[in-house]
Amino acid sequence: MSILDGKKPSLFGRRISRRTALTGGGVLAGTAFLGVAPTFSARAGNRTKIRLAWTEFAACHSPIAFGVAKGIYDKHDLDIELFYQGASGQTLVQSLATGKADAGAGLLLDWVKPLEQGLDVKLFVGSHGGCTRLLASKASGITTLEGLKGKTIVSYDPASPPKHSFQIALARAGIDPEQDVNWKAVPFDLVGATVDRGEAEALAHLDPWAYSLKKQYDLVEIANTQTGIFENKVCCVLGVNGPFLEANRDAVRRLAEANIEIHEYTGKHPEEVAKWYLENLKPDLALADLSDDLGSFVYHIHPIGPELVEQVKWAAEDLQLIKVIDASTDPAELAQRVTANLLA
């Protein structure tokens, strides 16, 4: 089930209507919440077609659709069709496992457990870091991870990636992430209000919602997935269906190259990507706020080959620390097994 239970996040004020086929800067879009999967398709031709799963309303996924609209994948001889996979990592996994998509973008901490359990997908390139935040109310007086001891942190799901991220951060800071803090799960759209009402001192959430709640409720940022132990670590990566990789290895290599180019471009031009995102996907954020949000991510972190193996090993070790990954699992072996070295 989607973390949104079929409802569109309140940050997005308007549904997307189906548009004409992409030519140049135009887009072909659909309305996920009317039961039509949004699709952005590159120009027709003798290019390798890849169905790429994405999350339409995640701020950190906007460079992907921007890259299709601006012809960046085209340059790499790829015909990309974006497949709306829903709002949770589980629906991403399902889209690849059932062959509805060939590749997909998702949070590394969402990928690792299904891969440990045998999902036939290989991770092949990272995109960026920093799109998940831990925020506290000013009234709580909390400014550090240590200050959360004995406090309540709210998230939208008992096993959400933001919760796992900051459970790891707490554990690495010497705080028992289960015994020393209280975790509270509430509906997606009530995360900020729960802190505002004083029913929790802090929240763990994804952007653009975390960014919006920080401004709306004047919250203090305690950490994000580019601070402390997360510095220089990737948070979002691309994975590819095993059979598709076997049959199209060169195309997947070109997809990795395009992904790196798109995110490097976004790092240098966040305002341009934000403007496209605002005009085409209609989030209820001002352009300046959206530009600031996209500009806050770290886009130079896109590991590939041995560097990606190391990042996956770190993620497995971290998830093992909070008992998401089995104690008997060898993180180094797992990382080697679930990654594709496109540099080899």
C-alpha atoms as a PDB file:
ATOM      1  CA  MET A   1       0.000   0.000   0.000  1.00  0.00           C
ATOM      2  CA  SER A   2       1.206   3.518  -0.742  1.00  0.00           C
ATOM      3  CA  ILE A   3       2.212   5.675   2.188  1.00  0.00           C
ATOM      4  CA  LEU A   4      -0.501   8.009   0.985  1.00  0.00           C
ATOM      5  CA  ASP A   5      -3.234   5.352   0.890  1.00  0.00           C
ATOM      6  CA  GLY A   6      -4.174   6.483  -2.609  1.00  0.00           C
ATOM      7  CA  LYS A   7      -4.366  10.175  -1.727  1.00  0.00           C
ATOM      8  CA  LYS A   8      -2.243  12.879  -3.227  1.00  0.00           C
ATOM      9  CA  PRO A   9       0.013  14.740  -0.738  1.00  0.00           C
ATOM     10  CA  SER A  10      -1.461  18.086   0.253  1.00  0.00           C
ATOM     11  CA  LEU A  11       1.684  19.887  -0.889  1.00  0.00           C
ATOM     12  CA  PHE A  12       0.497  19.351  -4.446  1.00  0.00           C
ATOM     13  CA  GLY A  13      -2.496  21.488  -5.207  1.00  0.00           C
ATOM     14  CA  ARG A  14      -3.431  20.471  -8.749  1.00  0.00           C
ATOM     15  CA  ARG A  15      -3.686  17.242 -10.653  1.00  0.00           C
ATOM     16  CA  ILE A  16      -1.677  16.881 -13.814  1.00  0.00           C
ATOM     17  CA  SER A  17      -3.613  16.699 -17.047  1.00  0.00           C
ATOM     18  CA  ARG A  18      -2.448  14.544 -19.946  1.00  0.00           C
ATOM     19  CA  ARG A  19      -0.431  16.646 -22.365  1.00  0.00           C
ATOM     20  CA  THR A  20       0.752  16.283 -25.908  1.00  0.00           C
ATOM     21  CA  ALA A  21       3.811  14.200 -26.821  1.00  0.00           C
ATOM     22  CA  LEU A  22       7.136  15.688 -25.848  1.00  0.00           C
ATOM     23  CA  THR A  23       8.876  17.722 -28.494  1.00  0.00           C
ATOM     24  CA  GLY A  24      11.712  19.936 -27.362  1.00  0.00           C
ATOM     25  CA  GLY A  25      10.699  21.359 -23.977  1.00  0.00           C
ATOM     26  CA  GLY A  26       7.153  19.957 -23.866  1.00  0.00           C
ATOM     27  CA  VAL A  27       6.032  16.959 -21.858  1.00  0.00           C
ATOM     28  CA  LEU A  28       3.649  14.064 -22.077  1.00  0.00           C
ATOM     29  CA  ALA A  29       2.119  13.744 -18.618  1.00  0.00           C
ATOM     30  CA  GLY A  30      -0.721  11.890 -16.971  1.00  0.00           C
ATOM     31  CA  THR A  31      -2.700  12.008 -13.773  1.00  0.00           C
ATOM     32  CA  ALA A  32      -1.669   9.343 -11.297  1.00  0.00           C
ATOM     33  CA  PHE A  33      -4.471  10.072  -8.930  1.00  0.00           C
ATOM     34  CA  LEU A  34      -7.103   9.727 -11.631  1.00  0.00           C
ATOM     35  CA  GLY A  35      -5.783   6.234 -12.248  1.00  0.00           C
ATOM     36  CA  VAL A  36      -3.614   7.199 -15.230  1.00  0.00           C
ATOM     37  CA  ALA A  37       0.139   6.769 -14.763  1.00  0.00           C
ATOM     38  CA  PRO A  38       2.098   9.939 -15.602  1.00  0.00           C
ATOM     39  CA  THR A  39       4.434   9.293 -18.514  1.00  0.00           C
ATOM     40  CA  PHE A  40       7.140  11.481 -20.003  1.00  0.00           C
ATOM     41  CA  SER A  41       8.501   9.988 -23.210  1.00  0.00           C
ATOM     42  CA  ALA A  42      11.514  10.969 -25.278  1.00  0.00           C
ATOM     43  CA  ARG A  43      11.252  11.386 -29.059  1.00  0.00           C
ATOM     44  CA  ALA A  44      10.706   8.271 -31.122  1.00  0.00           C
ATOM     45  CA  GLY A  45      13.597   6.755 -33.039  1.00  0.00           C
ATOM     46  CA  ASN A  46      16.051   3.863 -32.992  1.00  0.00           C
ATOM     47  CA  ARG A  47      16.897   4.415 -29.356  1.00  0.00           C
ATOM     48  CA  THR A  48      16.851   1.859 -26.576  1.00  0.00           C
ATOM     49  CA  LYS A  49      13.543   2.147 -24.765  1.00  0.00           C
ATOM     50  CA  ILE A  50      13.658   2.067 -20.977  1.00  0.00           C
ATOM     51  CA  ARG A  51      10.632   2.250 -18.696  1.00  0.00           C
ATOM     52  CA  LEU A  52      11.969   4.192 -15.718  1.00  0.00           C
ATOM     53  CA  ALA A  53       9.964   4.185 -12.477  1.00  0.00           C
ATOM     54  CA  TRP A  54       9.826   7.458 -10.559  1.00  0.00           C
ATOM     55  CA  THR A  55       7.797   9.329  -7.944  1.00  0.00           C
ATOM     56  CA  GLU A  56       6.149  12.329  -9.572  1.00  0.00           C
ATOM     57  CA  PHE A  57       5.810  14.473  -6.452  1.00  0.00           C
ATOM     58  CA  ALA A  58       9.232  13.832  -4.835  1.00  0.00           C
ATOM     59  CA  ALA A  59      11.358  16.949  -5.183  1.00  0.00           C
ATOM     60  CA  CYS A  60      14.504  14.898  -5.644  1.00  0.00           C
ATOM     61  CA  HIS A  61      12.977  13.056  -8.635  1.00  0.00           C
ATOM     62  CA  SER A  62      12.271  16.247 -10.578  1.00  0.00           C
ATOM     63  CA  PRO A  63      15.702  16.225 -12.315  1.00  0.00           C
ATOM     64  CA  ILE A  64      14.733  12.910 -13.925  1.00  0.00           C
ATOM     65  CA  ALA A  65      11.602  14.277 -15.612  1.00  0.00           C
ATOM     66  CA  PHE A  66      13.439  17.529 -16.406  1.00  0.00           C
ATOM     67  CA  GLY A  67      16.103  15.465 -18.160  1.00  0.00           C
ATOM     68  CA  VAL A  68      13.485  13.792 -20.347  1.00  0.00           C
ATOM     69  CA  ALA A  69      11.824  17.106 -21.197  1.00  0.00           C
ATOM     70  CA  LYS A  70      15.134  18.725 -22.121  1.00  0.00           C
ATOM     71  CA  GLY A  71      16.389  15.849 -24.265  1.00  0.00           C
ATOM     72  CA  ILE A  72      19.322  14.807 -22.053  1.00  0.00           C
ATOM     73  CA  TYR A  73      18.448  11.108 -22.280  1.00  0.00           C
ATOM     74  CA  ASP A  74      18.021  11.580 -26.013  1.00  0.00           C
ATOM     75  CA  LYS A  75      21.676  12.607 -26.226  1.00  0.00           C
ATOM     76  CA  HIS A  76      22.574   9.224 -24.763  1.00  0.00           C
ATOM     77  CA  ASP A  77      20.480   7.390 -27.371  1.00  0.00           C
ATOM     78  CA  LEU A  78      17.746   6.458 -24.906  1.00  0.00           C
ATOM     79  CA  ASP A  79      13.975   6.541 -25.287  1.00  0.00           C
ATOM     80  CA  ILE A  80      12.757   7.023 -21.710  1.00  0.00           C
ATOM     81  CA  GLU A  81       9.191   6.412 -20.596  1.00  0.00           C
ATOM     82  CA  LEU A  82       8.640   7.472 -17.004  1.00  0.00           C
ATOM     83  CA  PHE A  83       6.444   5.053 -15.101  1.00  0.00           C
ATOM     84  CA  TYR A  84       4.644   6.330 -12.015  1.00  0.00           C
ATOM     85  CA  GLN A  85       5.479   3.766  -9.346  1.00  0.00           C
ATOM     86  CA  GLY A  86       3.675   5.278  -6.365  1.00  0.00           C
ATOM     87  CA  ALA A  87       4.926   6.917  -3.241  1.00  0.00           C
ATOM     88  CA  SER A  88       6.572   4.067  -1.356  1.00  0.00           C
ATOM     89  CA  GLY A  89       9.676   1.993  -1.821  1.00  0.00           C
ATOM     90  CA  GLN A  90       7.565  -1.142  -1.798  1.00  0.00           C
ATOM     91  CA  THR A  91       5.638  -0.068  -4.898  1.00  0.00           C
ATOM     92  CA  LEU A  92       8.944   0.706  -6.605  1.00  0.00           C
ATOM     93  CA  VAL A  93      10.147  -2.804  -5.825  1.00  0.00           C
ATOM     94  CA  GLN A  94       6.860  -4.262  -7.093  1.00  0.00           C
ATOM     95  CA  SER A  95       7.055  -2.332 -10.374  1.00  0.00           C
ATOM     96  CA  LEU A  96      10.444  -3.892 -11.135  1.00  0.00           C
ATOM     97  CA  ALA A  97       9.617  -7.344  -9.785  1.00  0.00           C
ATOM     98  CA  THR A  98       6.500  -7.552 -11.961  1.00  0.00           C
ATOM     99  CA  GLY A  99       8.149  -6.159 -15.098  1.00  0.00           C
ATOM    100  CA  LYS A 100       6.071  -2.974 -15.213  1.00  0.00           C
ATOM    101  CA  ALA A 101       9.311  -0.993 -15.241  1.00  0.00           C
ATOM    102  CA  ASP A 102      12.845  -1.820 -16.386  1.00  0.00           C
ATOM    103  CA  ALA A 103      14.676   0.480 -13.976  1.00  0.00           C
ATOM    104  CA  GLY A 104      13.739   2.817 -11.166  1.00  0.00           C
ATOM    105  CA  ALA A 105      14.875   5.541  -8.785  1.00  0.00           C
ATOM    106  CA  GLY A 106      14.543   5.135  -5.044  1.00  0.00           C
ATOM    107  CA  LEU A 107      16.051   5.656  -1.611  1.00  0.00           C
ATOM    108  CA  LEU A 108      18.995   3.371  -0.919  1.00  0.00           C
ATOM    109  CA  LEU A 109      17.562   2.426   2.488  1.00  0.00           C
ATOM    110  CA  ASP A 110      14.382   1.258   0.729  1.00  0.00           C
ATOM    111  CA  TRP A 111      16.316  -0.955  -1.681  1.00  0.00           C
ATOM    112  CA  VAL A 112      18.580  -2.911   0.648  1.00  0.00           C
ATOM    113  CA  LYS A 113      16.137  -5.185   2.506  1.00  0.00           C
ATOM    114  CA  PRO A 114      14.302  -6.452  -0.621  1.00  0.00           C
ATOM    115  CA  LEU A 115      17.687  -7.023  -2.252  1.00  0.00           C
ATOM    116  CA  GLU A 116      18.852  -8.985   0.771  1.00  0.00           C
ATOM    117  CA  GLN A 117      15.731 -11.127   0.369  1.00  0.00           C
ATOM    118  CA  GLY A 118      16.531 -11.950  -3.252  1.00  0.00           C
ATOM    119  CA  LEU A 119      14.905  -9.248  -5.421  1.00  0.00           C
ATOM    120  CA  ASP A 120      16.387  -9.643  -8.921  1.00  0.00           C
ATOM    121  CA  VAL A 121      17.523  -6.043  -9.282  1.00  0.00           C
ATOM    122  CA  LYS A 122      20.990  -4.530  -9.467  1.00  0.00           C
ATOM    123  CA  LEU A 123      21.841  -1.051  -8.193  1.00  0.00           C
ATOM    124  CA  PHE A 124      24.080   0.743 -10.677  1.00  0.00           C
ATOM    125  CA  VAL A 125      24.456   4.483  -9.980  1.00  0.00           C
ATOM    126  CA  GLY A 126      23.748   7.057  -7.289  1.00  0.00           C
ATOM    127  CA  SER A 127      22.001  10.389  -7.808  1.00  0.00           C
ATOM    128  CA  HIS A 128      22.334  12.723  -4.819  1.00  0.00           C
ATOM    129  CA  GLY A 129      22.230  13.139  -1.063  1.00  0.00           C
ATOM    130  CA  GLY A 130      20.323  15.218   1.462  1.00  0.00           C
ATOM    131  CA  CYS A 131      16.589  14.877   0.723  1.00  0.00           C
ATOM    132  CA  THR A 132      15.514  13.634   4.178  1.00  0.00           C
ATOM    133  CA  ARG A 133      15.364  15.840   7.302  1.00  0.00           C
ATOM    134  CA  LEU A 134      15.018  15.541  11.076  1.00  0.00           C
ATOM    135  CA  LEU A 135      13.253  18.625  12.477  1.00  0.00           C
ATOM    136  CA  ALA A 136      12.322  19.704  16.010  1.00  0.00           C
ATOM    137  CA  SER A 137       9.986  22.358  17.383  1.00  0.00           C
ATOM    138  CA  LYS A 138      11.618  25.485  18.808  1.00  0.00           C
ATOM    139  CA  ALA A 139       9.496  25.029  21.928  1.00  0.00           C
ATOM    140  CA  SER A 140      11.269  21.721  22.619  1.00  0.00           C
ATOM    141  CA  GLY A 141      14.656  23.425  22.858  1.00  0.00           C
ATOM    142  CA  ILE A 142      16.235  20.488  21.025  1.00  0.00           C
ATOM    143  CA  THR A 143      19.205  21.304  18.804  1.00  0.00           C
ATOM    144  CA  THR A 144      21.189  18.049  18.758  1.00  0.00           C
ATOM    145  CA  LEU A 145      20.622  14.329  18.359  1.00  0.00           C
ATOM    146  CA  GLU A 146      21.525  13.871  22.020  1.00  0.00           C
ATOM    147  CA  GLY A 147      18.718  16.254  22.953  1.00  0.00           C
ATOM    148  CA  LEU A 148      16.173  13.788  21.556  1.00  0.00           C
ATOM    149  CA  LYS A 149      16.750  11.269  24.344  1.00  0.00           C
ATOM    150  CA  GLY A 150      13.439  10.629  26.080  1.00  0.00           C
ATOM    151  CA  LYS A 151      11.503  12.572  23.421  1.00  0.00           C
ATOM    152  CA  THR A 152       8.902  11.620  20.785  1.00  0.00           C
ATOM    153  CA  ILE A 153       9.668  11.663  17.056  1.00  0.00           C
ATOM    154  CA  VAL A 154       6.841  11.389  14.540  1.00  0.00           C
ATOM    155  CA  SER A 155       6.975   9.859  11.045  1.00  0.00           C
ATOM    156  CA  TYR A 156       4.414   8.684   8.512  1.00  0.00           C
ATOM    157  CA  ASP A 157       5.128   4.951   8.710  1.00  0.00           C
ATOM    158  CA  PRO A 158       6.583   2.544  11.295  1.00  0.00           C
ATOM    159  CA  ALA A 159       9.246   1.551   8.742  1.00  0.00           C
ATOM    160  CA  SER A 160       9.676   4.760   6.730  1.00  0.00           C
ATOM    161  CA  PRO A 161      13.103   5.565   5.233  1.00  0.00           C
ATOM    162  CA  PRO A 162      13.262   8.839   7.242  1.00  0.00           C
ATOM    163  CA  LYS A 163      12.679   6.874  10.440  1.00  0.00           C
ATOM    164  CA  HIS A 164      15.380   4.366   9.515  1.00  0.00           C
ATOM    165  CA  SER A 165      17.798   7.159   8.551  1.00  0.00           C
ATOM    166  CA  PHE A 166      17.584   8.882  11.893  1.00  0.00           C
ATOM    167  CA  GLN A 167      17.402   5.680  13.898  1.00  0.00           C
ATOM    168  CA  ILE A 168      20.823   5.031  12.377  1.00  0.00           C
ATOM    169  CA  ALA A 169      22.019   8.555  13.241  1.00  0.00           C
ATOM    170  CA  LEU A 170      20.814   8.147  16.840  1.00  0.00           C
ATOM    171  CA  ALA A 171      22.459   4.733  17.179  1.00  0.00           C
ATOM    172  CA  ARG A 172      25.759   6.062  15.837  1.00  0.00           C
ATOM    173  CA  ALA A 173      25.489   8.878  18.421  1.00  0.00           C
ATOM    174  CA  GLY A 174      25.213   6.322  21.224  1.00  0.00           C
ATOM    175  CA  ILE A 175      21.443   6.607  21.696  1.00  0.00           C
ATOM    176  CA  ASP A 176      19.277   3.485  21.610  1.00  0.00           C
ATOM    177  CA  PRO A 177      16.889   4.330  18.726  1.00  0.00           C
ATOM    178  CA  GLU A 178      14.099   2.208  20.191  1.00  0.00           C
ATOM    179  CA  GLN A 179      14.494   2.432  23.972  1.00  0.00           C
ATOM    180  CA  ASP A 180      15.779   6.011  24.377  1.00  0.00           C
ATOM    181  CA  VAL A 181      13.246   7.713  22.085  1.00  0.00           C
ATOM    182  CA  ASN A 182       9.559   7.186  21.346  1.00  0.00           C
ATOM    183  CA  TRP A 183       8.528   6.821  17.694  1.00  0.00           C
ATOM    184  CA  LYS A 184       4.988   7.742  16.705  1.00  0.00           C
ATOM    185  CA  ALA A 185       3.397   6.926  13.330  1.00  0.00           C
ATOM    186  CA  VAL A 186       0.636   9.197  11.996  1.00  0.00           C
ATOM    187  CA  PRO A 187      -0.993   9.761   8.580  1.00  0.00           C
ATOM    188  CA  PHE A 188       1.309  11.406   6.027  1.00  0.00           C
ATOM    189  CA  ASP A 189      -0.452  14.772   6.069  1.00  0.00           C
ATOM    190  CA  LEU A 190      -0.508  15.021   9.871  1.00  0.00           C
ATOM    191  CA  VAL A 191       3.219  14.759  10.548  1.00  0.00           C
ATOM    192  CA  GLY A 192       3.783  18.507  10.895  1.00  0.00           C
ATOM    193  CA  ALA A 193       0.557  19.193  12.768  1.00  0.00           C
ATOM    194  CA  THR A 194       1.450  16.525  15.333  1.00  0.00           C
ATOM    195  CA  VAL A 195       4.602  18.428  16.269  1.00  0.00           C
ATOM    196  CA  ASP A 196       2.786  21.775  16.148  1.00  0.00           C
ATOM    197  CA  ARG A 197       0.189  20.489  18.632  1.00  0.00           C
ATOM    198  CA  GLY A 198       2.933  19.382  21.016  1.00  0.00           C
ATOM    199  CA  GLU A 199       2.183  15.671  20.638  1.00  0.00           C
ATOM    200  CA  ALA A 200       5.776  15.076  19.498  1.00  0.00           C
ATOM    201  CA  GLU A 201       8.951  17.100  19.833  1.00  0.00           C
ATOM    202  CA  ALA A 202      10.419  16.221  16.432  1.00  0.00           C
ATOM    203  CA  LEU A 203       9.631  14.760  13.014  1.00  0.00           C
ATOM    204  CA  ALA A 204      11.456  12.767  10.352  1.00  0.00           C
ATOM    205  CA  HIS A 205      10.295  13.390   6.802  1.00  0.00           C
ATOM    206  CA  LEU A 206      11.186  13.572   3.105  1.00  0.00           C
ATOM    207  CA  ASP A 207      11.434  16.641   0.887  1.00  0.00           C
ATOM    208  CA  PRO A 208       9.622  18.610  -0.374  1.00  0.00           C
ATOM    209  CA  TRP A 209       7.313  18.005   2.602  1.00  0.00           C
ATOM    210  CA  ALA A 210      10.058  18.292   5.231  1.00  0.00           C
ATOM    211  CA  TYR A 211      11.231  21.579   3.700  1.00  0.00           C
ATOM    212  CA  SER A 212       7.670  22.914   3.601  1.00  0.00           C
ATOM    213  CA  LEU A 213       6.931  21.880   7.207  1.00  0.00           C
ATOM    214  CA  LYS A 214      10.164  23.457   8.397  1.00  0.00           C
ATOM    215  CA  LYS A 215       8.999  26.803   7.032  1.00  0.00           C
ATOM    216  CA  GLN A 216       5.338  26.415   7.951  1.00  0.00           C
ATOM    217  CA  TYR A 217       5.955  25.570  11.605  1.00  0.00           C
ATOM    218  CA  ASP A 218       9.322  27.351  12.067  1.00  0.00           C
ATOM    219  CA  LEU A 219      11.113  24.128  12.973  1.00  0.00           C
ATOM    220  CA  VAL A 220      14.783  23.608  13.826  1.00  0.00           C
ATOM    221  CA  GLU A 221      16.776  21.286  11.561  1.00  0.00           C
ATOM    222  CA  ILE A 222      18.660  18.790  13.723  1.00  0.00           C
ATOM    223  CA  ALA A 223      20.077  16.684  10.895  1.00  0.00           C
ATOM    224  CA  ASN A 224      19.618  15.645   7.297  1.00  0.00           C
ATOM    225  CA  THR A 225      21.004  12.920   5.099  1.00  0.00           C
ATOM    226  CA  GLN A 226      24.106  14.977   4.321  1.00  0.00           C
ATOM    227  CA  THR A 227      25.103  15.886   7.888  1.00  0.00           C
ATOM    228  CA  GLY A 228      27.086  13.946  10.465  1.00  0.00           C
ATOM    229  CA  ILE A 229      27.445  10.275   9.568  1.00  0.00           C
ATOM    230  CA  PHE A 230      25.663  10.845   6.240  1.00  0.00           C
ATOM    231  CA  GLU A 231      28.174  13.344   4.881  1.00  0.00           C
ATOM    232  CA  ASN A 232      29.336  12.284   1.400  1.00  0.00           C
ATOM    233  CA  LYS A 233      26.914   9.354   1.350  1.00  0.00           C
ATOM    234  CA  VAL A 234      24.295   8.846  -1.346  1.00  0.00           C
ATOM    235  CA  CYS A 235      20.639   8.653  -0.349  1.00  0.00           C
ATOM    236  CA  CYS A 236      18.960   7.948  -3.729  1.00  0.00           C
ATOM    237  CA  VAL A 237      20.129   5.417  -6.339  1.00  0.00           C
ATOM    238  CA  LEU A 238      18.955   3.743  -9.541  1.00  0.00           C
ATOM    239  CA  GLY A 239      18.275   0.036  -9.823  1.00  0.00           C
ATOM    240  CA  VAL A 240      17.623  -2.106 -12.881  1.00  0.00           C
ATOM    241  CA  ASN A 241      15.713  -5.347 -13.398  1.00  0.00           C
ATOM    242  CA  GLY A 242      18.147  -8.262 -13.681  1.00  0.00           C
ATOM    243  CA  PRO A 243      16.949  -9.652 -17.041  1.00  0.00           C
ATOM    244  CA  PHE A 244      16.846  -6.164 -18.586  1.00  0.00           C
ATOM    245  CA  LEU A 245      20.425  -5.506 -17.457  1.00  0.00           C
ATOM    246  CA  GLU A 246      21.594  -8.802 -18.928  1.00  0.00           C
ATOM    247  CA  ALA A 247      20.038  -7.977 -22.294  1.00  0.00           C
ATOM    248  CA  ASN A 248      20.833  -4.243 -22.367  1.00  0.00           C
ATOM    249  CA  ARG A 249      24.023  -3.645 -20.407  1.00  0.00           C
ATOM    250  CA  ASP A 250      25.290  -0.881 -22.704  1.00  0.00           C
ATOM    251  CA  ALA A 251      21.946   0.943 -22.524  1.00  0.00           C
ATOM    252  CA  VAL A 252      22.063   0.779 -18.711  1.00  0.00           C
ATOM    253  CA  ARG A 253      25.586   2.230 -18.828  1.00  0.00           C
ATOM    254  CA  ARG A 254      24.235   5.096 -20.948  1.00  0.00           C
ATOM    255  CA  LEU A 255      21.382   5.540 -18.485  1.00  0.00           C
ATOM    256  CA  ALA A 256      23.948   5.900 -15.699  1.00  0.00           C
ATOM    257  CA  GLU A 257      25.855   8.485 -17.736  1.00  0.00           C
ATOM    258  CA  ALA A 258      22.668  10.448 -18.403  1.00  0.00           C
ATOM    259  CA  ASN A 259      21.695  10.292 -14.729  1.00  0.00           C
ATOM    260  CA  ILE A 260      25.058  11.741 -13.693  1.00  0.00           C
ATOM    261  CA  GLU A 261      24.812  14.482 -16.328  1.00  0.00           C
ATOM    262  CA  ILE A 262      21.280  15.426 -15.258  1.00  0.00           C
ATOM    263  CA  HIS A 263      22.153  15.683 -11.579  1.00  0.00           C
ATOM    264  CA  GLU A 264      25.361  17.608 -12.220  1.00  0.00           C
ATOM    265  CA  TYR A 265      23.303  20.045 -14.304  1.00  0.00           C
ATOM    266  CA  THR A 266      20.711  20.369 -11.532  1.00  0.00           C
ATOM    267  CA  GLY A 267      23.447  21.122  -9.003  1.00  0.00           C
ATOM    268  CA  LYS A 268      24.568  24.046 -11.151  1.00  0.00           C
ATOM    269  CA  HIS A 269      21.075  25.198 -12.213  1.00  0.00           C
ATOM    270  CA  PRO A 270      18.590  24.389  -9.409  1.00  0.00           C
ATOM    271  CA  GLU A 271      16.465  27.434 -10.279  1.00  0.00           C
ATOM    272  CA  GLU A 272      15.929  26.215 -13.855  1.00  0.00           C
ATOM    273  CA  VAL A 273      14.897  22.736 -12.729  1.00  0.00           C
ATOM    274  CA  ALA A 274      12.692  24.208  -9.993  1.00  0.00           C
ATOM    275  CA  LYS A 275      10.932  26.428 -12.547  1.00  0.00           C
ATOM    276  CA  TRP A 276      10.246  23.436 -14.798  1.00  0.00           C
ATOM    277  CA  TYR A 277       9.048  21.406 -11.804  1.00  0.00           C
ATOM    278  CA  LEU A 278       6.710  24.183 -10.684  1.00  0.00           C
ATOM    279  CA  GLU A 279       5.219  24.728 -14.132  1.00  0.00           C
ATOM    280  CA  ASN A 280       4.705  21.043 -14.942  1.00  0.00           C
ATOM    281  CA  LEU A 281       4.064  19.285 -11.627  1.00  0.00           C
ATOM    282  CA  LYS A 282       2.336  22.116  -9.712  1.00  0.00           C
ATOM    283  CA  PRO A 283       3.582  21.745  -6.114  1.00  0.00           C
ATOM    284  CA  ASP A 284       2.177  24.322  -3.696  1.00  0.00           C
ATOM    285  CA  LEU A 285       5.550  25.970  -3.166  1.00  0.00           C
ATOM    286  CA  ALA A 286       6.810  29.341  -4.322  1.00  0.00           C
ATOM    287  CA  LEU A 287       9.547  29.242  -6.947  1.00  0.00           C
ATOM    288  CA  ALA A 288      12.087  30.694  -4.513  1.00  0.00           C
ATOM    289  CA  ASP A 289      11.298  27.975  -1.949  1.00  0.00           C
ATOM    290  CA  LEU A 290      11.434  25.193  -4.514  1.00  0.00           C
ATOM    291  CA  SER A 291      14.751  26.512  -5.854  1.00  0.00           C
ATOM    292  CA  ASP A 292      16.119  26.668  -2.321  1.00  0.00           C
ATOM    293  CA  ASP A 293      14.941  23.139  -1.590  1.00  0.00           C
ATOM    294  CA  LEU A 294      16.445  21.642  -4.764  1.00  0.00           C
ATOM    295  CA  GLY A 295      19.586  23.705  -4.253  1.00  0.00           C
ATOM    296  CA  SER A 296      20.091  22.234  -0.788  1.00  0.00           C
ATOM    297  CA  PHE A 297      20.701  18.700  -2.083  1.00  0.00           C
ATOM    298  CA  VAL A 298      24.203  17.453  -2.852  1.00  0.00           C
ATOM    299  CA  TYR A 299      24.370  16.476  -6.525  1.00  0.00           C
ATOM    300  CA  HIS A 300      28.051  15.602  -6.899  1.00  0.00           C
ATOM    301  CA  ILE A 301      27.505  12.298  -5.045  1.00  0.00           C
ATOM    302  CA  HIS A 302      26.680   9.756  -7.740  1.00  0.00           C
ATOM    303  CA  PRO A 303      28.798   6.684  -7.014  1.00  0.00           C
ATOM    304  CA  ILE A 304      29.227   4.033  -9.656  1.00  0.00           C
ATOM    305  CA  GLY A 305      31.262   0.811  -9.768  1.00  0.00           C
ATOM    306  CA  PRO A 306      33.412   0.113  -6.669  1.00  0.00           C
ATOM    307  CA  GLU A 307      32.332   3.396  -5.028  1.00  0.00           C
ATOM    308  CA  LEU A 308      28.701   2.311  -5.183  1.00  0.00           C
ATOM    309  CA  VAL A 309      29.581  -1.074  -3.692  1.00  0.00           C
ATOM    310  CA  GLU A 310      31.134   0.719  -0.730  1.00  0.00           C
ATOM    311  CA  GLN A 311      28.085   2.942  -0.275  1.00  0.00           C
ATOM    312  CA  VAL A 312      25.737  -0.068  -0.343  1.00  0.00           C
ATOM    313  CA  LYS A 313      27.951  -1.844   2.203  1.00  0.00           C
ATOM    314  CA  TRP A 314      27.714   1.160   4.535  1.00  0.00           C
ATOM    315  CA  ALA A 315      23.930   1.209   4.143  1.00  0.00           C
ATOM    316  CA  ALA A 316      23.709  -2.517   4.921  1.00  0.00           C
ATOM    317  CA  GLU A 317      25.892  -2.088   8.000  1.00  0.00           C
ATOM    318  CA  ASP A 318      23.716   0.794   9.180  1.00  0.00           C
ATOM    319  CA  LEU A 319      20.496  -1.166   8.652  1.00  0.00           C
ATOM    320  CA  GLN A 320      22.035  -4.129  10.433  1.00  0.00           C
ATOM    321  CA  LEU A 321      22.769  -1.843  13.385  1.00  0.00           C
ATOM    322  CA  ILE A 322      19.038  -1.072  13.754  1.00  0.00           C
ATOM    323  CA  LYS A 323      18.068  -4.693  13.098  1.00  0.00           C
ATOM    324  CA  VAL A 324      16.487  -4.208   9.670  1.00  0.00           C
ATOM    325  CA  ILE A 325      19.125  -6.404   8.015  1.00  0.00           C
ATOM    326  CA  ASP A 326      19.669  -9.895   9.442  1.00  0.00           C
ATOM    327  CA  ALA A 327      22.609 -10.223  11.830  1.00  0.00           C
ATOM    328  CA  SER A 328      23.926 -13.163   9.789  1.00  0.00           C
ATOM    329  CA  THR A 329      24.133 -11.145   6.558  1.00  0.00           C
ATOM    330  CA  ASP A 330      27.614 -10.136   5.391  1.00  0.00           C
ATOM    331  CA  PRO A 331      27.250  -6.459   4.292  1.00  0.00           C
ATOM    332  CA  ALA A 332      30.288  -6.626   2.015  1.00  0.00           C
ATOM    333  CA  GLU A 333      29.065  -9.766   0.250  1.00  0.00           C
ATOM    334  CA  LEU A 334      25.566  -8.314  -0.063  1.00  0.00           C
ATOM    335  CA  ALA A 335      26.894  -5.093  -1.578  1.00  0.00           C
ATOM    336  CA  GLN A 336      28.914  -6.996  -4.170  1.00  0.00           C
ATOM    337  CA  ARG A 337      25.969  -9.222  -5.028  1.00  0.00           C
ATOM    338  CA  VAL A 338      23.330  -6.503  -5.517  1.00  0.00           C
ATOM    339  CA  THR A 339      25.356  -3.958  -7.527  1.00  0.00           C
ATOM    340  CA  ALA A 340      26.306  -3.891 -11.196  1.00  0.00           C
ATOM    341  CA  ASN A 341      29.781  -2.555 -11.979  1.00  0.00           C
ATOM    342  CA  LEU A 342      29.208  -0.734 -15.266  1.00  0.00           C
ATOM    343  CA  LEU A 343      32.834   0.396 -15.289  1.00  0.00           C
ATOM    344  CA  ALA A 344      34.129  -3.188 -15.616  1.00  0.00           C
END
